[in-house]
Every structure is written in C-alpha cells, then in structure tokens.
Amino acid sequence: MKASIISTAILATAASAAPALVKRQSSDIDGVILNYALTLEHLEATFYREAIAKFSEQDFAAAGFNSTNFYKNLQEIARDEQTHVDFLTAALLKAGVTPVQECTYDFGTLTPQSIMATASLVEGLGVSAYLGAAALITNKDYLTAAGSILTVEARHDSFIRGNLDMSPFPQPFDVPLDFDQVYSLAATLIKSCPASNPTLPVKAFPSLSLASNMTMPIMQGEFITFELAADMKVPAGPLFVAFPLATGTMFSSAIVKDCMITARVPVSFYGPAGESFAILTTNDTVVTDDNTVAGPAVVEIQTYLA
C-alpha cells in the first residue's frame, strides 16, 4: 500500500545546524515571521526542484504514481513553491529586512517513493507552520498573503496524500504548530545555511521518533511507542504524550521504559487524524516550550469514526 511508504520520511528526528526562529512581540515580528516562512519555502522549492530534475514522468509512473496529470501537477507544485520564495523575498526586501537565502539540505536517498513520502511531510508541516504563525502577524496585508499561501499548501498536501492512497482531508481542522515545534522537524532536513543569513534563534527539541517496530497508519485507541535518544535523560515524575489540535490539545499518560515511550492515541471525532504530531511533555493540560521534553514526532493516524 502506498501509504506505508510515508514512514520513511517521518522517522528522522536529528537536529542540525539550521537557521533558527524566535517568537517576539516587538515591532519586527512580521519580518521574523516572513523569514520563518521563507526558510520553509526555500526547503520546499529546493526539494521539488531536485526531485523533478532526478526523475522523469516515466520514473514516477513505473513506481505506481501514474494518475492523470500526476507529473504535470508535481511540476506545478514546484513552480508554486519557487513563486512563494520569490514573493516572500521581494516582500522582505521591500520592508527593509534581509531575506534568508537557500540552505544546504539532506533529503536522504531520493526515489519516487521517498519523494512522495517527504512531500507529504513538508506540505503538512507547511500548513501547520502558516496556521500557527497567523495569529502573530500584525500587518493585515501580510496576513492575507500568508493565508493565500496556506490554502495553496493545503491543496498541495491533499494532492500528495491522495496519490499515496491516503485521505486528502482526514480531519475537519488542521493543526497549528509554533516556531520551535516546526523548527524541530524542519531541522532534520537542513544540513547548514549561509553565514550571512539573519540570525533567528530558536531551540530544536530533543528527537522523538516512532519505534522501529511501529507501522502506519496507527488507529485511534491503539498504543503507540516512541524512541528517545539513548543518551537522553528523562525527567523524573509523570510524563504525557500530547497531540496538538486546533480544537485543544489531547493528552495521554506516557509509560516510560528505558528510552521507550508508550501512550494510547486518543479516540475522538475531533481527535488526531491524518498527519498528526506527538510531543512528550511533563504537563497534561498545556504544552509550552518549558515543559516540552521531546518532539514533535510525525505520525499518521486513522480514526474508526471516519
């Protein structure tokens, strides 16, 4: 099943020397957010450019991706992402803010299957990033522009998921993520960035990855196991796995054994579904940077209620 190949893109959780971002309430917040968005758009544009340069329409068709106009649509996504890069760069320059430049990335060994799996990861992450940043934008024109990009990223995500035999719209609400949460995931694909890029400091949380014996999708109500880095110190006291949602984060008690974390996926019509995120935390009511232990991990969840 095509959906199973997505696991190749979401098990990587190592941090890297990537540009960082910070939530600030000063007057430069819009410039920070635009550079935050541009950092992600550079990643996406480079990824699709490399994917299309490496594989032809026939290569994707031979791998099973042969729906009508599939390759033309993939090329259109690549053009969209480059257009987003050009638009955000111009907006930053007009505002007198130095735009970040393209970084050096590590997308792993590219195959048609891994390209589609990684595409699902980055498109879903892009949706969550724009959604999470929207509330912080102060300039209404920037907010409208960001919203118009968000809706296009969501269309990209639906196209990719549909061609992976997954629901194009698996939940009624998309999931917003904050700067640090997005950075922790994006950093897994970034090797290094130009020294001239603006410094936008943020921290990447320790990695939280699916245990090697887990397969996806995982059903609501099932137990899911994650792995922590072998040298990571787990804080004393109760731990919880948080599943952030637009309608309110849901929590499950974590069972800790060595570096393994096990928790039950919440069951609810409004619960996690489709591309979802799991965060290890010391709190069972709210997730903050201070109480986050590790994550996010990306997981594909299926609901019995669909």
C-alpha atoms as a PDB file:
ATOM      1  CA  MET A   1       0.000   0.000   0.000  1.00  0.00           C
ATOM      2  CA  LYS A   2       1.358   3.418  -0.977  1.00  0.00           C
ATOM      3  CA  ALA A   3       0.504   4.920   2.403  1.00  0.00           C
ATOM      4  CA  SER A   4       3.071   2.704   4.095  1.00  0.00           C
ATOM      5  CA  ILE A   5       5.965   4.413   2.347  1.00  0.00           C
ATOM      6  CA  ILE A   6       5.356   7.607   4.265  1.00  0.00           C
ATOM      7  CA  SER A   7       7.096   6.052   7.269  1.00  0.00           C
ATOM      8  CA  THR A   8      10.440   6.561   5.518  1.00  0.00           C
ATOM      9  CA  ALA A   9      10.051  10.324   5.844  1.00  0.00           C
ATOM     10  CA  ILE A  10       8.939  10.690   9.444  1.00  0.00           C
ATOM     11  CA  LEU A  11      11.394   8.566  11.394  1.00  0.00           C
ATOM     12  CA  ALA A  12      14.232  11.087  11.067  1.00  0.00           C
ATOM     13  CA  THR A  13      14.387  13.411  14.059  1.00  0.00           C
ATOM     14  CA  ALA A  14      18.006  14.537  14.443  1.00  0.00           C
ATOM     15  CA  ALA A  15      18.649  18.262  14.841  1.00  0.00           C
ATOM     16  CA  SER A  16      21.070  20.159  12.608  1.00  0.00           C
ATOM     17  CA  ALA A  17      22.870  23.466  12.218  1.00  0.00           C
ATOM     18  CA  ALA A  18      19.924  25.198  10.585  1.00  0.00           C
ATOM     19  CA  PRO A  19      18.756  28.810  10.888  1.00  0.00           C
ATOM     20  CA  ALA A  20      16.604  29.384  13.924  1.00  0.00           C
ATOM     21  CA  LEU A  21      13.475  31.351  14.616  1.00  0.00           C
ATOM     22  CA  VAL A  22      12.074  33.076  17.650  1.00  0.00           C
ATOM     23  CA  LYS A  23       8.669  34.304  18.759  1.00  0.00           C
ATOM     24  CA  ARG A  24       8.976  38.013  19.509  1.00  0.00           C
ATOM     25  CA  GLN A  25       6.399  40.637  20.373  1.00  0.00           C
ATOM     26  CA  SER A  26       8.431  43.637  19.189  1.00  0.00           C
ATOM     27  CA  SER A  27       7.742  45.595  16.021  1.00  0.00           C
ATOM     28  CA  ASP A  28       9.961  43.312  13.934  1.00  0.00           C
ATOM     29  CA  ILE A  29       7.724  40.271  14.438  1.00  0.00           C
ATOM     30  CA  ASP A  30       6.365  40.405  10.878  1.00  0.00           C
ATOM     31  CA  GLY A  31       9.885  40.363   9.416  1.00  0.00           C
ATOM     32  CA  VAL A  32      10.742  37.405  11.626  1.00  0.00           C
ATOM     33  CA  ILE A  33       7.621  35.547  10.512  1.00  0.00           C
ATOM     34  CA  LEU A  34       8.256  36.259   6.824  1.00  0.00           C
ATOM     35  CA  ASN A  35      11.803  34.938   7.139  1.00  0.00           C
ATOM     36  CA  TYR A  36      10.430  31.949   9.035  1.00  0.00           C
ATOM     37  CA  ALA A  37       8.059  31.275   6.131  1.00  0.00           C
ATOM     38  CA  LEU A  38      10.825  31.881   3.587  1.00  0.00           C
ATOM     39  CA  THR A  39      13.057  29.338   5.347  1.00  0.00           C
ATOM     40  CA  LEU A  40      10.375  26.690   4.821  1.00  0.00           C
ATOM     41  CA  GLU A  41       9.614  27.776   1.264  1.00  0.00           C
ATOM     42  CA  HIS A  42      13.305  27.542   0.313  1.00  0.00           C
ATOM     43  CA  LEU A  43      13.308  23.984   1.665  1.00  0.00           C
ATOM     44  CA  GLU A  44      10.207  23.026  -0.302  1.00  0.00           C
ATOM     45  CA  ALA A  45      11.316  24.718  -3.529  1.00  0.00           C
ATOM     46  CA  THR A  46      14.721  23.035  -3.434  1.00  0.00           C
ATOM     47  CA  PHE A  47      13.196  19.666  -2.620  1.00  0.00           C
ATOM     48  CA  TYR A  48      10.816  19.681  -5.579  1.00  0.00           C
ATOM     49  CA  ARG A  49      13.455  21.086  -7.920  1.00  0.00           C
ATOM     50  CA  GLU A  50      15.817  18.238  -7.064  1.00  0.00           C
ATOM     51  CA  ALA A  51      13.039  15.642  -7.267  1.00  0.00           C
ATOM     52  CA  ILE A  52      11.893  16.692 -10.735  1.00  0.00           C
ATOM     53  CA  ALA A  53      15.451  17.016 -12.007  1.00  0.00           C
ATOM     54  CA  LYS A  54      16.230  13.476 -10.860  1.00  0.00           C
ATOM     55  CA  PHE A  55      13.141  11.572 -12.029  1.00  0.00           C
ATOM     56  CA  SER A  56      11.006  11.739 -15.152  1.00  0.00           C
ATOM     57  CA  GLU A  57       7.291  11.229 -15.600  1.00  0.00           C
ATOM     58  CA  GLN A  58       8.053   7.655 -16.659  1.00  0.00           C
ATOM     59  CA  ASP A  59      10.065   7.025 -13.490  1.00  0.00           C
ATOM     60  CA  PHE A  60       7.143   8.060 -11.293  1.00  0.00           C
ATOM     61  CA  ALA A  61       4.688   6.062 -13.411  1.00  0.00           C
ATOM     62  CA  ALA A  62       6.832   2.947 -13.070  1.00  0.00           C
ATOM     63  CA  ALA A  63       6.725   3.424  -9.293  1.00  0.00           C
ATOM     64  CA  GLY A  64       2.921   3.476  -9.358  1.00  0.00           C
ATOM     65  CA  PHE A  65       2.324   7.232  -9.456  1.00  0.00           C
ATOM     66  CA  ASN A  66       0.529   7.346 -12.781  1.00  0.00           C
ATOM     67  CA  SER A  67      -2.750   9.144 -12.124  1.00  0.00           C
ATOM     68  CA  THR A  68      -3.953  11.587 -14.751  1.00  0.00           C
ATOM     69  CA  ASN A  69      -1.681  14.646 -14.962  1.00  0.00           C
ATOM     70  CA  PHE A  70       0.300  13.459 -11.929  1.00  0.00           C
ATOM     71  CA  TYR A  71       3.685  14.672 -13.171  1.00  0.00           C
ATOM     72  CA  LYS A  72       2.301  17.946 -14.521  1.00  0.00           C
ATOM     73  CA  ASN A  73       0.750  18.618 -11.120  1.00  0.00           C
ATOM     74  CA  LEU A  74       4.038  17.810  -9.400  1.00  0.00           C
ATOM     75  CA  GLN A  75       5.750  20.313 -11.686  1.00  0.00           C
ATOM     76  CA  GLU A  76       3.074  22.873 -10.836  1.00  0.00           C
ATOM     77  CA  ILE A  77       3.754  22.367  -7.124  1.00  0.00           C
ATOM     78  CA  ALA A  78       7.441  23.026  -7.789  1.00  0.00           C
ATOM     79  CA  ARG A  79       6.557  26.259  -9.610  1.00  0.00           C
ATOM     80  CA  ASP A  80       4.247  27.316  -6.769  1.00  0.00           C
ATOM     81  CA  GLU A  81       6.980  26.831  -4.170  1.00  0.00           C
ATOM     82  CA  GLN A  82       9.502  28.842  -6.178  1.00  0.00           C
ATOM     83  CA  THR A  83       6.898  31.569  -6.630  1.00  0.00           C
ATOM     84  CA  HIS A  84       6.387  31.635  -2.860  1.00  0.00           C
ATOM     85  CA  VAL A  85      10.153  32.046  -2.430  1.00  0.00           C
ATOM     86  CA  ASP A  86      10.253  34.935  -4.894  1.00  0.00           C
ATOM     87  CA  PHE A  87       7.210  36.617  -3.354  1.00  0.00           C
ATOM     88  CA  LEU A  88       8.448  36.434   0.241  1.00  0.00           C
ATOM     89  CA  THR A  89      11.949  37.549  -0.752  1.00  0.00           C
ATOM     90  CA  ALA A  90      10.514  40.608  -2.503  1.00  0.00           C
ATOM     91  CA  ALA A  91       8.254  41.399   0.460  1.00  0.00           C
ATOM     92  CA  LEU A  92      11.177  41.275   2.885  1.00  0.00           C
ATOM     93  CA  LEU A  93      13.362  43.466   0.686  1.00  0.00           C
ATOM     94  CA  LYS A  94      10.537  45.992   0.337  1.00  0.00           C
ATOM     95  CA  ALA A  95      10.191  46.048   4.126  1.00  0.00           C
ATOM     96  CA  GLY A  96      13.926  46.620   4.528  1.00  0.00           C
ATOM     97  CA  VAL A  97      14.548  43.197   6.053  1.00  0.00           C
ATOM     98  CA  THR A  98      17.373  40.944   4.855  1.00  0.00           C
ATOM     99  CA  PRO A  99      15.808  37.745   3.469  1.00  0.00           C
ATOM    100  CA  VAL A 100      17.278  34.355   4.338  1.00  0.00           C
ATOM    101  CA  GLN A 101      18.967  32.503   1.497  1.00  0.00           C
ATOM    102  CA  GLU A 102      18.634  28.881   0.442  1.00  0.00           C
ATOM    103  CA  CYS A 103      20.393  26.397   2.710  1.00  0.00           C
ATOM    104  CA  THR A 104      22.071  23.048   2.063  1.00  0.00           C
ATOM    105  CA  TYR A 105      19.645  20.187   2.607  1.00  0.00           C
ATOM    106  CA  ASP A 106      19.746  16.451   3.137  1.00  0.00           C
ATOM    107  CA  PHE A 107      16.664  14.741   1.747  1.00  0.00           C
ATOM    108  CA  GLY A 108      18.194  11.288   2.015  1.00  0.00           C
ATOM    109  CA  THR A 109      18.344   8.845  -0.876  1.00  0.00           C
ATOM    110  CA  LEU A 110      15.755  10.046  -3.353  1.00  0.00           C
ATOM    111  CA  THR A 111      13.432   7.557  -5.022  1.00  0.00           C
ATOM    112  CA  PRO A 112       9.937   8.249  -6.375  1.00  0.00           C
ATOM    113  CA  GLN A 113       8.544   6.619  -3.222  1.00  0.00           C
ATOM    114  CA  SER A 114      10.726   8.594  -0.810  1.00  0.00           C
ATOM    115  CA  ILE A 115       9.976  11.812  -2.693  1.00  0.00           C
ATOM    116  CA  MET A 116       6.267  11.356  -2.174  1.00  0.00           C
ATOM    117  CA  ALA A 117       6.734  10.456   1.482  1.00  0.00           C
ATOM    118  CA  THR A 118       8.897  13.508   2.113  1.00  0.00           C
ATOM    119  CA  ALA A 119       6.491  15.686   0.124  1.00  0.00           C
ATOM    120  CA  SER A 120       3.694  14.621   2.438  1.00  0.00           C
ATOM    121  CA  LEU A 121       5.842  15.561   5.435  1.00  0.00           C
ATOM    122  CA  VAL A 122       6.891  19.005   4.195  1.00  0.00           C
ATOM    123  CA  GLU A 123       3.482  20.002   2.836  1.00  0.00           C
ATOM    124  CA  GLY A 124       1.730  19.039   6.064  1.00  0.00           C
ATOM    125  CA  LEU A 125       4.404  20.840   8.045  1.00  0.00           C
ATOM    126  CA  GLY A 126       3.970  23.929   5.866  1.00  0.00           C
ATOM    127  CA  VAL A 127       0.231  24.011   6.544  1.00  0.00           C
ATOM    128  CA  SER A 128       0.802  23.733  10.300  1.00  0.00           C
ATOM    129  CA  ALA A 129       3.551  26.365  10.227  1.00  0.00           C
ATOM    130  CA  TYR A 130       1.479  29.017   8.428  1.00  0.00           C
ATOM    131  CA  LEU A 131      -1.537  28.222  10.578  1.00  0.00           C
ATOM    132  CA  GLY A 132       0.463  28.536  13.786  1.00  0.00           C
ATOM    133  CA  ALA A 133       2.113  31.810  12.754  1.00  0.00           C
ATOM    134  CA  ALA A 134      -1.055  33.518  11.523  1.00  0.00           C
ATOM    135  CA  ALA A 135      -2.136  34.762  14.932  1.00  0.00           C
ATOM    136  CA  LEU A 136       1.174  36.609  15.413  1.00  0.00           C
ATOM    137  CA  ILE A 137       1.177  38.605  12.162  1.00  0.00           C
ATOM    138  CA  THR A 138       0.383  42.283  12.788  1.00  0.00           C
ATOM    139  CA  ASN A 139       0.244  43.594   9.198  1.00  0.00           C
ATOM    140  CA  LYS A 140      -3.113  42.759   7.600  1.00  0.00           C
ATOM    141  CA  ASP A 141      -1.625  42.665   4.097  1.00  0.00           C
ATOM    142  CA  TYR A 142       0.971  40.133   5.228  1.00  0.00           C
ATOM    143  CA  LEU A 143      -1.751  38.114   6.946  1.00  0.00           C
ATOM    144  CA  THR A 144      -3.806  37.961   3.753  1.00  0.00           C
ATOM    145  CA  ALA A 145      -0.743  36.941   1.724  1.00  0.00           C
ATOM    146  CA  ALA A 146       0.186  34.259   4.257  1.00  0.00           C
ATOM    147  CA  GLY A 147      -3.389  32.979   4.215  1.00  0.00           C
ATOM    148  CA  SER A 148      -3.350  32.712   0.438  1.00  0.00           C
ATOM    149  CA  ILE A 149      -0.149  30.667   0.590  1.00  0.00           C
ATOM    150  CA  LEU A 150      -1.595  28.478   3.355  1.00  0.00           C
ATOM    151  CA  THR A 151      -4.585  27.480   1.243  1.00  0.00           C
ATOM    152  CA  VAL A 152      -2.327  26.537  -1.671  1.00  0.00           C
ATOM    153  CA  GLU A 153      -0.078  24.475   0.608  1.00  0.00           C
ATOM    154  CA  ALA A 154      -3.197  22.657   1.802  1.00  0.00           C
ATOM    155  CA  ARG A 155      -4.111  21.856  -1.809  1.00  0.00           C
ATOM    156  CA  HIS A 156      -0.608  20.530  -2.391  1.00  0.00           C
ATOM    157  CA  ASP A 157      -0.944  18.377   0.726  1.00  0.00           C
ATOM    158  CA  SER A 158      -4.285  16.960  -0.458  1.00  0.00           C
ATOM    159  CA  PHE A 159      -2.825  16.106  -3.861  1.00  0.00           C
ATOM    160  CA  ILE A 160       0.166  14.306  -2.344  1.00  0.00           C
ATOM    161  CA  ARG A 161      -1.944  12.399   0.190  1.00  0.00           C
ATOM    162  CA  GLY A 162      -4.429  11.340  -2.475  1.00  0.00           C
ATOM    163  CA  ASN A 163      -1.629   9.876  -4.580  1.00  0.00           C
ATOM    164  CA  LEU A 164      -0.377   7.980  -1.527  1.00  0.00           C
ATOM    165  CA  ASP A 165      -3.816   6.345  -1.163  1.00  0.00           C
ATOM    166  CA  MET A 166      -4.491   8.354   1.990  1.00  0.00           C
ATOM    167  CA  SER A 167      -7.453  10.592   2.719  1.00  0.00           C
ATOM    168  CA  PRO A 168      -6.839  14.044   1.173  1.00  0.00           C
ATOM    169  CA  PHE A 169      -8.704  15.666   4.082  1.00  0.00           C
ATOM    170  CA  PRO A 170      -8.510  13.309   7.070  1.00  0.00           C
ATOM    171  CA  GLN A 171      -9.676  15.765   9.751  1.00  0.00           C
ATOM    172  CA  PRO A 172     -12.083  18.712   9.998  1.00  0.00           C
ATOM    173  CA  PHE A 173      -9.394  21.033  11.441  1.00  0.00           C
ATOM    174  CA  ASP A 174      -5.720  21.380  10.553  1.00  0.00           C
ATOM    175  CA  VAL A 175      -3.143  21.512  13.342  1.00  0.00           C
ATOM    176  CA  PRO A 176      -1.233  24.722  14.151  1.00  0.00           C
ATOM    177  CA  LEU A 177       2.351  24.390  15.380  1.00  0.00           C
ATOM    178  CA  ASP A 178       4.551  27.056  16.943  1.00  0.00           C
ATOM    179  CA  PHE A 179       8.006  28.157  15.754  1.00  0.00           C
ATOM    180  CA  ASP A 180      10.052  25.768  17.896  1.00  0.00           C
ATOM    181  CA  GLN A 181       7.879  22.788  17.040  1.00  0.00           C
ATOM    182  CA  VAL A 182       8.129  23.462  13.302  1.00  0.00           C
ATOM    183  CA  TYR A 183      11.860  24.122  13.515  1.00  0.00           C
ATOM    184  CA  SER A 184      12.453  20.848  15.352  1.00  0.00           C
ATOM    185  CA  LEU A 185      11.023  18.985  12.352  1.00  0.00           C
ATOM    186  CA  ALA A 186      12.405  21.154   9.548  1.00  0.00           C
ATOM    187  CA  ALA A 187      15.905  20.969  11.026  1.00  0.00           C
ATOM    188  CA  THR A 188      16.024  17.243  10.295  1.00  0.00           C
ATOM    189  CA  LEU A 189      16.277  18.102   6.578  1.00  0.00           C
ATOM    190  CA  ILE A 190      18.699  21.063   6.834  1.00  0.00           C
ATOM    191  CA  LYS A 191      22.463  20.500   6.934  1.00  0.00           C
ATOM    192  CA  SER A 192      23.752  24.071   7.025  1.00  0.00           C
ATOM    193  CA  CYS A 193      22.863  27.598   5.973  1.00  0.00           C
ATOM    194  CA  PRO A 194      24.835  30.624   4.733  1.00  0.00           C
ATOM    195  CA  ALA A 195      26.584  32.535   7.484  1.00  0.00           C
ATOM    196  CA  SER A 196      25.089  35.711   6.020  1.00  0.00           C
ATOM    197  CA  ASN A 197      21.549  34.601   6.833  1.00  0.00           C
ATOM    198  CA  PRO A 198      19.824  36.622   9.562  1.00  0.00           C
ATOM    199  CA  THR A 199      20.131  35.004  12.966  1.00  0.00           C
ATOM    200  CA  LEU A 200      16.702  33.980  14.175  1.00  0.00           C
ATOM    201  CA  PRO A 201      17.498  31.934  17.293  1.00  0.00           C
ATOM    202  CA  VAL A 202      15.245  29.108  18.397  1.00  0.00           C
ATOM    203  CA  LYS A 203      15.803  25.784  20.058  1.00  0.00           C
ATOM    204  CA  ALA A 204      15.230  22.397  18.496  1.00  0.00           C
ATOM    205  CA  PHE A 205      13.735  19.986  20.972  1.00  0.00           C
ATOM    206  CA  PRO A 206      15.292  16.554  21.507  1.00  0.00           C
ATOM    207  CA  SER A 207      14.108  13.995  18.983  1.00  0.00           C
ATOM    208  CA  LEU A 208      11.069  11.791  19.457  1.00  0.00           C
ATOM    209  CA  SER A 209      10.773   9.105  16.793  1.00  0.00           C
ATOM    210  CA  LEU A 210       8.499   6.175  16.152  1.00  0.00           C
ATOM    211  CA  ALA A 211       9.830   2.880  17.419  1.00  0.00           C
ATOM    212  CA  SER A 212      11.247   0.753  14.624  1.00  0.00           C
ATOM    213  CA  ASN A 213       8.548  -1.896  15.052  1.00  0.00           C
ATOM    214  CA  MET A 214       5.687   0.576  14.559  1.00  0.00           C
ATOM    215  CA  THR A 215       3.843   0.711  11.237  1.00  0.00           C
ATOM    216  CA  MET A 216       1.436   3.329   9.995  1.00  0.00           C
ATOM    217  CA  PRO A 217      -1.288   4.331   9.885  1.00  0.00           C
ATOM    218  CA  ILE A 218      -1.949   3.877  13.585  1.00  0.00           C
ATOM    219  CA  MET A 219      -5.562   3.636  14.666  1.00  0.00           C
ATOM    220  CA  GLN A 220      -7.093   5.859  17.274  1.00  0.00           C
ATOM    221  CA  GLY A 221      -7.250   3.894  20.516  1.00  0.00           C
ATOM    222  CA  GLU A 222      -4.131   1.862  19.774  1.00  0.00           C
ATOM    223  CA  PHE A 223      -0.925   2.167  21.737  1.00  0.00           C
ATOM    224  CA  ILE A 224       1.964   3.897  20.027  1.00  0.00           C
ATOM    225  CA  THR A 225       5.614   3.599  21.009  1.00  0.00           C
ATOM    226  CA  PHE A 226       8.333   6.181  20.511  1.00  0.00           C
ATOM    227  CA  GLU A 227      12.081   6.140  20.989  1.00  0.00           C
ATOM    228  CA  LEU A 228      14.257   8.759  22.645  1.00  0.00           C
ATOM    229  CA  ALA A 229      17.953   9.223  22.035  1.00  0.00           C
ATOM    230  CA  ALA A 230      19.934   6.687  24.034  1.00  0.00           C
ATOM    231  CA  ASP A 231      21.873   9.386  25.900  1.00  0.00           C
ATOM    232  CA  MET A 232      18.848  11.493  26.773  1.00  0.00           C
ATOM    233  CA  LYS A 233      17.969  11.958  30.418  1.00  0.00           C
ATOM    234  CA  VAL A 234      14.260  11.531  31.061  1.00  0.00           C
ATOM    235  CA  PRO A 235      12.956  13.892  33.753  1.00  0.00           C
ATOM    236  CA  ALA A 236      11.548  12.384  36.920  1.00  0.00           C
ATOM    237  CA  GLY A 237       7.832  12.444  37.534  1.00  0.00           C
ATOM    238  CA  PRO A 238       4.800  11.796  35.339  1.00  0.00           C
ATOM    239  CA  LEU A 239       5.160  12.230  31.577  1.00  0.00           C
ATOM    240  CA  PHE A 240       2.491  12.657  28.940  1.00  0.00           C
ATOM    241  CA  VAL A 241       2.234  12.459  25.164  1.00  0.00           C
ATOM    242  CA  ALA A 242       0.415  15.493  23.810  1.00  0.00           C
ATOM    243  CA  PHE A 243      -1.391  15.511  20.473  1.00  0.00           C
ATOM    244  CA  PRO A 244      -1.829  19.189  19.500  1.00  0.00           C
ATOM    245  CA  LEU A 245      -5.106  20.027  17.769  1.00  0.00           C
ATOM    246  CA  ALA A 246      -6.825  23.215  16.658  1.00  0.00           C
ATOM    247  CA  THR A 247      -9.714  22.395  18.991  1.00  0.00           C
ATOM    248  CA  GLY A 248      -7.476  21.810  22.010  1.00  0.00           C
ATOM    249  CA  THR A 249      -4.539  19.548  22.743  1.00  0.00           C
ATOM    250  CA  MET A 250      -5.329  15.987  23.829  1.00  0.00           C
ATOM    251  CA  PHE A 251      -3.072  14.147  26.287  1.00  0.00           C
ATOM    252  CA  SER A 252      -2.296  10.527  27.117  1.00  0.00           C
ATOM    253  CA  SER A 253      -0.276   9.236  30.036  1.00  0.00           C
ATOM    254  CA  ALA A 254       3.150   8.005  28.972  1.00  0.00           C
ATOM    255  CA  ILE A 255       4.582   4.658  30.003  1.00  0.00           C
ATOM    256  CA  VAL A 256       8.351   5.003  30.195  1.00  0.00           C
ATOM    257  CA  LYS A 257      10.757   2.069  29.941  1.00  0.00           C
ATOM    258  CA  ASP A 258      14.404   2.821  29.284  1.00  0.00           C
ATOM    259  CA  CYS A 259      14.336   5.084  26.196  1.00  0.00           C
ATOM    260  CA  MET A 260      10.928   3.866  25.030  1.00  0.00           C
ATOM    261  CA  ILE A 261       7.747   5.897  25.465  1.00  0.00           C
ATOM    262  CA  THR A 262       4.330   4.265  25.028  1.00  0.00           C
ATOM    263  CA  ALA A 263       0.968   6.022  25.051  1.00  0.00           C
ATOM    264  CA  ARG A 264      -2.565   5.450  23.806  1.00  0.00           C
ATOM    265  CA  VAL A 265      -3.752   7.505  20.850  1.00  0.00           C
ATOM    266  CA  PRO A 266      -6.857   9.455  21.929  1.00  0.00           C
ATOM    267  CA  VAL A 267     -10.205   8.451  20.443  1.00  0.00           C
ATOM    268  CA  SER A 268     -12.494  11.264  19.333  1.00  0.00           C
ATOM    269  CA  PHE A 269     -14.161  12.620  16.210  1.00  0.00           C
ATOM    270  CA  TYR A 270     -12.115  15.765  16.832  1.00  0.00           C
ATOM    271  CA  GLY A 271      -9.051  13.772  17.840  1.00  0.00           C
ATOM    272  CA  PRO A 272      -5.816  13.286  15.902  1.00  0.00           C
ATOM    273  CA  ALA A 273      -6.276  12.032  12.335  1.00  0.00           C
ATOM    274  CA  GLY A 274      -4.140  12.017   9.222  1.00  0.00           C
ATOM    275  CA  GLU A 275      -0.723  13.628   9.576  1.00  0.00           C
ATOM    276  CA  SER A 276      -0.561  14.314  13.304  1.00  0.00           C
ATOM    277  CA  PHE A 277       2.051  15.348  15.828  1.00  0.00           C
ATOM    278  CA  ALA A 278       3.074  13.871  19.164  1.00  0.00           C
ATOM    279  CA  ILE A 279       5.019  15.758  21.846  1.00  0.00           C
ATOM    280  CA  LEU A 280       6.467  14.359  25.066  1.00  0.00           C
ATOM    281  CA  THR A 281       5.733  16.738  27.923  1.00  0.00           C
ATOM    282  CA  THR A 282       5.676  16.944  31.706  1.00  0.00           C
ATOM    283  CA  ASN A 283       2.255  18.612  31.720  1.00  0.00           C
ATOM    284  CA  ASP A 284      -1.173  17.179  30.927  1.00  0.00           C
ATOM    285  CA  THR A 285      -3.061  20.440  30.466  1.00  0.00           C
ATOM    286  CA  VAL A 286      -0.942  22.677  28.216  1.00  0.00           C
ATOM    287  CA  VAL A 287       2.165  22.320  26.030  1.00  0.00           C
ATOM    288  CA  THR A 288       4.820  25.008  26.310  1.00  0.00           C
ATOM    289  CA  ASP A 289       8.468  25.241  25.328  1.00  0.00           C
ATOM    290  CA  ASP A 290       9.365  24.944  29.010  1.00  0.00           C
ATOM    291  CA  ASN A 291       7.521  21.682  29.643  1.00  0.00           C
ATOM    292  CA  THR A 292       8.319  20.018  26.298  1.00  0.00           C
ATOM    293  CA  VAL A 293      10.688  17.083  26.772  1.00  0.00           C
ATOM    294  CA  ALA A 294      10.999  15.879  23.168  1.00  0.00           C
ATOM    295  CA  GLY A 295       9.306  16.054  19.797  1.00  0.00           C
ATOM    296  CA  PRO A 296       7.271  16.633  17.835  1.00  0.00           C
ATOM    297  CA  ALA A 297       7.143  13.275  16.139  1.00  0.00           C
ATOM    298  CA  VAL A 298       5.048  12.987  12.970  1.00  0.00           C
ATOM    299  CA  VAL A 299       2.570  10.119  12.919  1.00  0.00           C
ATOM    300  CA  GLU A 300      -0.167   9.056  10.525  1.00  0.00           C
ATOM    301  CA  ILE A 301      -3.343   8.305  12.464  1.00  0.00           C
ATOM    302  CA  GLN A 302      -6.568   6.754  11.262  1.00  0.00           C
ATOM    303  CA  THR A 303      -9.879   7.140  13.040  1.00  0.00           C
ATOM    304  CA  TYR A 304     -12.506   4.436  13.499  1.00  0.00           C
ATOM    305  CA  LEU A 305     -15.072   7.176  13.165  1.00  0.00           C
ATOM    306  CA  ALA A 306     -14.261   8.015   9.545  1.00  0.00           C
END
